[in-house]
Amino acid sequence: MHPNDPLVREIARNLDDAIHRLNQDLERVEIWTAALGAFLEPVPDYDSVHHEFLLPRGESGPNGGGAASEKRPAKGRFLRAPES
């Protein structure tokens, strides 16, 4: 077979396409492997270095509750669509 033969060119093109798809698949495998690795790590404990911003227990915050008793909106309060 001669390198300029149409059959040889088609085989080379198909091989090039297959290698391109393989590279894309490998990229996806790397992304999913990194994501899985991140999800398998335990969640680190929260320890704020900015203690000057924490409210003392019992002191009122912007919602009227202290650090120990934080108020939350009623369930479903923001889920309803306005009535027309």
C-alpha atoms as a PDB file:
ATOM      1  CA  MET A   1       0.000   0.000   0.000  1.00  0.00           C
ATOM      2  CA  HIS A   2       1.184   3.434  -0.882  1.00  0.00           C
ATOM      3  CA  PRO A   3       0.984   6.255   1.736  1.00  0.00           C
ATOM      4  CA  ASN A   4      -1.181   8.336  -0.635  1.00  0.00           C
ATOM      5  CA  ASP A   5      -3.672   5.525  -1.093  1.00  0.00           C
ATOM      6  CA  PRO A   6      -7.197   6.661  -0.036  1.00  0.00           C
ATOM      7  CA  LEU A   7      -7.592   3.555   2.126  1.00  0.00           C
ATOM      8  CA  VAL A   8      -4.356   4.319   4.011  1.00  0.00           C
ATOM      9  CA  ARG A   9      -5.450   7.947   4.534  1.00  0.00           C
ATOM     10  CA  GLU A  10      -8.841   6.824   5.866  1.00  0.00           C
ATOM     11  CA  ILE A  11      -7.235   4.341   8.258  1.00  0.00           C
ATOM     12  CA  ALA A  12      -4.848   7.068   9.480  1.00  0.00           C
ATOM     13  CA  ARG A  13      -7.770   9.502   9.965  1.00  0.00           C
ATOM     14  CA  ASN A  14      -9.778   6.889  11.891  1.00  0.00           C
ATOM     15  CA  LEU A  15      -6.745   6.130  14.045  1.00  0.00           C
ATOM     16  CA  ASP A  16      -6.240   9.848  14.725  1.00  0.00           C
ATOM     17  CA  ASP A  17      -9.937  10.237  15.688  1.00  0.00           C
ATOM     18  CA  ALA A  18      -9.720   7.235  18.007  1.00  0.00           C
ATOM     19  CA  ILE A  19      -6.627   8.661  19.737  1.00  0.00           C
ATOM     20  CA  HIS A  20      -8.387  12.028  20.132  1.00  0.00           C
ATOM     21  CA  ARG A  21     -11.441  10.345  21.739  1.00  0.00           C
ATOM     22  CA  LEU A  22      -9.130   8.332  24.003  1.00  0.00           C
ATOM     23  CA  ASN A  23      -7.420  11.554  25.187  1.00  0.00           C
ATOM     24  CA  GLN A  24     -10.822  13.103  25.941  1.00  0.00           C
ATOM     25  CA  ASP A  25     -11.830  10.002  27.910  1.00  0.00           C
ATOM     26  CA  LEU A  26      -8.586  10.125  29.887  1.00  0.00           C
ATOM     27  CA  GLU A  27      -9.224  13.779  30.760  1.00  0.00           C
ATOM     28  CA  ARG A  28     -12.697  12.863  32.054  1.00  0.00           C
ATOM     29  CA  VAL A  29     -11.250   9.985  34.082  1.00  0.00           C
ATOM     30  CA  GLU A  30      -8.722  12.374  35.659  1.00  0.00           C
ATOM     31  CA  ILE A  31     -11.448  14.888  36.544  1.00  0.00           C
ATOM     32  CA  TRP A  32     -13.729  12.249  38.089  1.00  0.00           C
ATOM     33  CA  THR A  33     -10.807  10.679  39.968  1.00  0.00           C
ATOM     34  CA  ALA A  34      -9.923  14.064  41.470  1.00  0.00           C
ATOM     35  CA  ALA A  35     -13.564  14.683  42.413  1.00  0.00           C
ATOM     36  CA  LEU A  36     -13.880  11.273  44.043  1.00  0.00           C
ATOM     37  CA  GLY A  37     -10.634  11.820  45.950  1.00  0.00           C
ATOM     38  CA  ALA A  38     -11.921  15.164  47.251  1.00  0.00           C
ATOM     39  CA  PHE A  39     -15.240  13.640  48.365  1.00  0.00           C
ATOM     40  CA  LEU A  40     -13.492  10.791  50.189  1.00  0.00           C
ATOM     41  CA  GLU A  41     -11.573  13.222  52.410  1.00  0.00           C
ATOM     42  CA  PRO A  42     -13.238  13.949  55.760  1.00  0.00           C
ATOM     43  CA  VAL A  43     -14.672  17.424  56.230  1.00  0.00           C
ATOM     44  CA  PRO A  44     -12.177  19.451  58.273  1.00  0.00           C
ATOM     45  CA  ASP A  45     -13.278  20.887  61.611  1.00  0.00           C
ATOM     46  CA  TYR A  46     -14.222  24.534  61.484  1.00  0.00           C
ATOM     47  CA  ASP A  47     -12.014  26.744  63.579  1.00  0.00           C
ATOM     48  CA  SER A  48     -12.357  30.419  62.799  1.00  0.00           C
ATOM     49  CA  VAL A  49      -9.202  32.442  63.161  1.00  0.00           C
ATOM     50  CA  HIS A  50     -11.343  35.590  63.337  1.00  0.00           C
ATOM     51  CA  HIS A  51     -12.699  35.210  66.861  1.00  0.00           C
ATOM     52  CA  GLU A  52     -13.271  38.969  67.104  1.00  0.00           C
ATOM     53  CA  PHE A  53     -16.288  38.579  64.776  1.00  0.00           C
ATOM     54  CA  LEU A  54     -18.076  35.879  66.819  1.00  0.00           C
ATOM     55  CA  LEU A  55     -20.955  36.979  69.030  1.00  0.00           C
ATOM     56  CA  PRO A  56     -20.824  35.970  72.676  1.00  0.00           C
ATOM     57  CA  ARG A  57     -23.514  33.463  73.689  1.00  0.00           C
ATOM     58  CA  GLY A  58     -26.830  35.135  74.452  1.00  0.00           C
ATOM     59  CA  GLU A  59     -26.036  38.432  72.681  1.00  0.00           C
ATOM     60  CA  SER A  60     -28.538  39.426  70.010  1.00  0.00           C
ATOM     61  CA  GLY A  61     -27.516  39.270  66.389  1.00  0.00           C
ATOM     62  CA  PRO A  62     -29.195  40.856  63.341  1.00  0.00           C
ATOM     63  CA  ASN A  63     -32.011  38.248  63.441  1.00  0.00           C
ATOM     64  CA  GLY A  64     -32.735  38.825  67.120  1.00  0.00           C
ATOM     65  CA  GLY A  65     -31.204  35.526  68.240  1.00  0.00           C
ATOM     66  CA  GLY A  66     -27.891  34.961  69.939  1.00  0.00           C
ATOM     67  CA  ALA A  67     -25.161  32.559  68.897  1.00  0.00           C
ATOM     68  CA  ALA A  68     -26.810  29.803  70.953  1.00  0.00           C
ATOM     69  CA  SER A  69     -30.350  30.330  69.658  1.00  0.00           C
ATOM     70  CA  GLU A  70     -30.346  31.284  66.016  1.00  0.00           C
ATOM     71  CA  LYS A  71     -33.781  31.873  64.465  1.00  0.00           C
ATOM     72  CA  ARG A  72     -34.636  30.461  61.070  1.00  0.00           C
ATOM     73  CA  PRO A  73     -37.499  31.420  58.755  1.00  0.00           C
ATOM     74  CA  ALA A  74     -40.630  29.286  58.901  1.00  0.00           C
ATOM     75  CA  LYS A  75     -40.543  26.193  56.697  1.00  0.00           C
ATOM     76  CA  GLY A  76     -41.854  26.934  53.214  1.00  0.00           C
ATOM     77  CA  ARG A  77     -42.019  30.678  53.830  1.00  0.00           C
ATOM     78  CA  PHE A  78     -39.938  31.546  50.784  1.00  0.00           C
ATOM     79  CA  LEU A  79     -41.106  28.666  48.600  1.00  0.00           C
ATOM     80  CA  ARG A  80     -44.583  29.997  47.746  1.00  0.00           C
ATOM     81  CA  ALA A  81     -45.096  31.989  44.593  1.00  0.00           C
ATOM     82  CA  PRO A  82     -46.819  35.380  45.016  1.00  0.00           C
ATOM     83  CA  GLU A  83     -50.560  35.228  44.422  1.00  0.00           C
ATOM     84  CA  SER A  84     -51.888  37.285  41.535  1.00  0.00           C
END
